[in-house]
C-alpha atoms as a PDB file:
ATOM      1  CA  UNK A   1      65.467 -84.877 -24.360  1.00  0.00           C
ATOM      2  CA  UNK A   2      65.918 -82.011 -26.294  1.00  0.00           C
ATOM      3  CA  UNK A   3      63.352 -80.728 -28.634  1.00  0.00           C
ATOM      4  CA  UNK A   4      63.786 -78.287 -31.586  1.00  0.00           C
ATOM      5  CA  UNK A   5      60.956 -76.207 -32.920  1.00  0.00           C
ATOM      6  CA  UNK A   6      60.718 -73.652 -35.481  1.00  0.00           C
ATOM      7  CA  UNK A   7      60.426 -69.598 -34.365  1.00  0.00           C
ATOM      8  CA  UNK A   8      56.978 -70.039 -35.680  1.00  0.00           C
ATOM      9  CA  UNK A   9      55.984 -72.758 -33.079  1.00  0.00           C
ATOM     10  CA  UNK A  10      57.538 -70.889 -30.647  1.00  0.00           C
ATOM     11  CA  UNK A  11      55.700 -67.794 -31.646  1.00  0.00           C
ATOM     12  CA  UNK A  12      52.237 -69.939 -31.635  1.00  0.00           C
ATOM     13  CA  UNK A  13      53.135 -71.313 -28.470  1.00  0.00           C
ATOM     14  CA  UNK A  14      53.690 -68.058 -26.617  1.00  0.00           C
ATOM     15  CA  UNK A  15      50.813 -66.584 -27.829  1.00  0.00           C
ATOM     16  CA  UNK A  16      48.734 -69.360 -26.593  1.00  0.00           C
ATOM     17  CA  UNK A  17      50.382 -68.629 -23.104  1.00  0.00           C
ATOM     18  CA  UNK A  18      49.717 -65.399 -23.243  1.00  0.00           C
ATOM     19  CA  UNK A  19      45.778 -65.876 -23.968  1.00  0.00           C
ATOM     20  CA  UNK A  20      45.898 -68.588 -20.999  1.00  0.00           C
ATOM     21  CA  UNK A  21      46.546 -65.420 -18.966  1.00  0.00           C
ATOM     22  CA  UNK A  22      44.954 -62.732 -20.895  1.00  0.00           C
ATOM     23  CA  UNK A  23      41.538 -64.859 -21.020  1.00  0.00           C
ATOM     24  CA  UNK A  24      40.999 -64.232 -17.608  1.00  0.00           C
ATOM     25  CA  UNK A  25      40.297 -60.634 -17.867  1.00  0.00           C
ATOM     26  CA  UNK A  26      37.755 -58.159 -19.213  1.00  0.00           C
ATOM     27  CA  UNK A  27      39.175 -55.085 -21.234  1.00  0.00           C
ATOM     28  CA  UNK A  28      37.080 -52.120 -20.339  1.00  0.00           C
ATOM     29  CA  UNK A  29      37.474 -48.757 -22.373  1.00  0.00           C
ATOM     30  CA  UNK A  30      36.796 -45.264 -21.096  1.00  0.00           C
ATOM     31  CA  UNK A  31      36.007 -43.512 -24.535  1.00  0.00           C
ATOM     32  CA  UNK A  32      38.973 -41.277 -24.483  1.00  0.00           C
ATOM     33  CA  UNK A  33      41.997 -43.736 -24.868  1.00  0.00           C
ATOM     34  CA  UNK A  34      42.517 -45.391 -21.871  1.00  0.00           C
ATOM     35  CA  UNK A  35      42.020 -49.442 -21.276  1.00  0.00           C
ATOM     36  CA  UNK A  36      41.916 -51.551 -18.219  1.00  0.00           C
ATOM     37  CA  UNK A  37      42.334 -55.205 -17.697  1.00  0.00           C
ATOM     38  CA  UNK A  38      40.179 -56.208 -15.212  1.00  0.00           C
ATOM     39  CA  UNK A  39      40.479 -59.767 -13.846  1.00  0.00           C
ATOM     40  CA  UNK A  40      36.912 -61.439 -13.302  1.00  0.00           C
ATOM     41  CA  UNK A  41      35.618 -60.676  -9.882  1.00  0.00           C
ATOM     42  CA  UNK A  42      38.278 -57.750  -8.900  1.00  0.00           C
ATOM     43  CA  UNK A  43      37.127 -54.306  -8.620  1.00  0.00           C
ATOM     44  CA  UNK A  44      41.087 -52.852  -9.384  1.00  0.00           C
ATOM     45  CA  UNK A  45      42.422 -53.413 -12.591  1.00  0.00           C
ATOM     46  CA  UNK A  46      45.550 -55.559 -13.187  1.00  0.00           C
ATOM     47  CA  UNK A  47      46.948 -53.640 -16.275  1.00  0.00           C
ATOM     48  CA  UNK A  48      46.333 -50.745 -17.850  1.00  0.00           C
ATOM     49  CA  UNK A  49      47.240 -49.015 -21.189  1.00  0.00           C
ATOM     50  CA  UNK A  50      47.167 -44.923 -21.405  1.00  0.00           C
ATOM     51  CA  UNK A  51      46.509 -43.003 -24.734  1.00  0.00           C
ATOM     52  CA  UNK A  52      50.020 -42.483 -25.176  1.00  0.00           C
ATOM     53  CA  UNK A  53      50.822 -46.328 -25.373  1.00  0.00           C
ATOM     54  CA  UNK A  54      52.163 -47.393 -21.995  1.00  0.00           C
ATOM     55  CA  UNK A  55      51.108 -50.594 -20.591  1.00  0.00           C
ATOM     56  CA  UNK A  56      51.407 -50.390 -16.862  1.00  0.00           C
ATOM     57  CA  UNK A  57      50.981 -53.086 -14.275  1.00  0.00           C
ATOM     58  CA  UNK A  58      49.094 -52.497 -11.128  1.00  0.00           C
ATOM     59  CA  UNK A  59      48.307 -55.794  -9.615  1.00  0.00           C
ATOM     60  CA  UNK A  60      52.188 -57.859  -9.302  1.00  0.00           C
ATOM     61  CA  UNK A  61      51.032 -61.073  -8.775  1.00  0.00           C
ATOM     62  CA  UNK A  62      49.461 -61.173 -12.132  1.00  0.00           C
ATOM     63  CA  UNK A  63      52.107 -59.480 -13.551  1.00  0.00           C
ATOM     64  CA  UNK A  64      54.506 -62.225 -12.216  1.00  0.00           C
ATOM     65  CA  UNK A  65      52.614 -65.279 -13.876  1.00  0.00           C
ATOM     66  CA  UNK A  66      53.409 -63.565 -17.572  1.00  0.00           C
ATOM     67  CA  UNK A  67      57.100 -62.802 -16.085  1.00  0.00           C
ATOM     68  CA  UNK A  68      57.004 -66.668 -15.637  1.00  0.00           C
ATOM     69  CA  UNK A  69      57.325 -67.223 -18.956  1.00  0.00           C
ATOM     70  CA  UNK A  70      60.785 -65.972 -19.160  1.00  0.00           C
ATOM     71  CA  UNK A  71      61.794 -69.740 -18.033  1.00  0.00           C
ATOM     72  CA  UNK A  72      61.398 -70.284 -21.841  1.00  0.00           C
ATOM     73  CA  UNK A  73      64.807 -68.907 -22.026  1.00  0.00           C
ATOM     74  CA  UNK A  74      63.984 -65.276 -22.881  1.00  0.00           C
ATOM     75  CA  UNK A  75      65.037 -61.993 -21.577  1.00  0.00           C
ATOM     76  CA  UNK A  76      62.847 -59.443 -20.110  1.00  0.00           C
ATOM     77  CA  UNK A  77      63.036 -56.972 -23.273  1.00  0.00           C
ATOM     78  CA  UNK A  78      62.114 -59.950 -25.831  1.00  0.00           C
ATOM     79  CA  UNK A  79      59.504 -61.142 -23.346  1.00  0.00           C
ATOM     80  CA  UNK A  80      58.314 -57.253 -23.484  1.00  0.00           C
ATOM     81  CA  UNK A  81      58.413 -57.355 -27.567  1.00  0.00           C
ATOM     82  CA  UNK A  82      56.277 -60.571 -27.492  1.00  0.00           C
ATOM     83  CA  UNK A  83      54.122 -59.063 -25.126  1.00  0.00           C
ATOM     84  CA  UNK A  84      53.631 -55.785 -27.061  1.00  0.00           C
ATOM     85  CA  UNK A  85      52.770 -57.506 -30.389  1.00  0.00           C
ATOM     86  CA  UNK A  86      50.406 -59.880 -28.707  1.00  0.00           C
ATOM     87  CA  UNK A  87      48.518 -56.903 -27.221  1.00  0.00           C
ATOM     88  CA  UNK A  88      48.506 -55.176 -30.316  1.00  0.00           C
ATOM     89  CA  UNK A  89      47.064 -58.164 -32.513  1.00  0.00           C
ATOM     90  CA  UNK A  90      44.777 -59.534 -29.778  1.00  0.00           C
ATOM     91  CA  UNK A  91      42.955 -56.166 -29.055  1.00  0.00           C
ATOM     92  CA  UNK A  92      43.114 -54.815 -32.239  1.00  0.00           C
ATOM     93  CA  UNK A  93      39.621 -54.152 -32.845  1.00  0.00           C
ATOM     94  CA  UNK A  94      39.161 -52.591 -29.414  1.00  0.00           C
ATOM     95  CA  UNK A  95      42.528 -50.131 -29.269  1.00  0.00           C
ATOM     96  CA  UNK A  96      40.997 -47.943 -31.576  1.00  0.00           C
ATOM     97  CA  UNK A  97      41.420 -44.624 -29.636  1.00  0.00           C
ATOM     98  CA  UNK A  98      44.846 -43.795 -29.001  1.00  0.00           C
ATOM     99  CA  UNK A  99      48.271 -45.543 -29.503  1.00  0.00           C
ATOM    100  CA  UNK A 100      48.954 -49.217 -29.936  1.00  0.00           C
ATOM    101  CA  UNK A 101      50.800 -50.409 -26.844  1.00  0.00           C
ATOM    102  CA  UNK A 102      54.219 -49.099 -27.149  1.00  0.00           C
ATOM    103  CA  UNK A 103      56.105 -49.850 -23.973  1.00  0.00           C
ATOM    104  CA  UNK A 104      55.624 -52.070 -20.710  1.00  0.00           C
ATOM    105  CA  UNK A 105      55.918 -50.110 -17.559  1.00  0.00           C
ATOM    106  CA  UNK A 106      56.504 -52.558 -14.570  1.00  0.00           C
ATOM    107  CA  UNK A 107      58.341 -49.727 -12.446  1.00  0.00           C
ATOM    108  CA  UNK A 108      55.126 -50.349  -9.826  1.00  0.00           C
ATOM    109  CA  UNK A 109      56.081 -54.430  -9.449  1.00  0.00           C
ATOM    110  CA  UNK A 110      59.621 -53.582  -9.507  1.00  0.00           C
ATOM    111  CA  UNK A 111      59.512 -51.572  -6.249  1.00  0.00           C
ATOM    112  CA  UNK A 112      57.996 -54.220  -4.565  1.00  0.00           C
END
């Protein structure tokens, strides 16, 4: 069975899926533009964003769960664009110091 959905419905679905992932995390700010997402109970961040807007992955397992959404037919570039928009919208109030998320840096996980 093939289901046809509109672009807005697809965007809503992807936002809900990202919510499912990011609701597992608490966002901390150091007061100088650096943000870190900690999964509840972990001492090390899974993700971080620096002052210049680069979003970094630190925990490859958490990153892989986000990359699984490529199975919806998205290439990596499109998924990253959605994720950047999502993070900037979801954390608009929190991310006031420094730049919004501008790029995804997943080099750490690519090397593994």
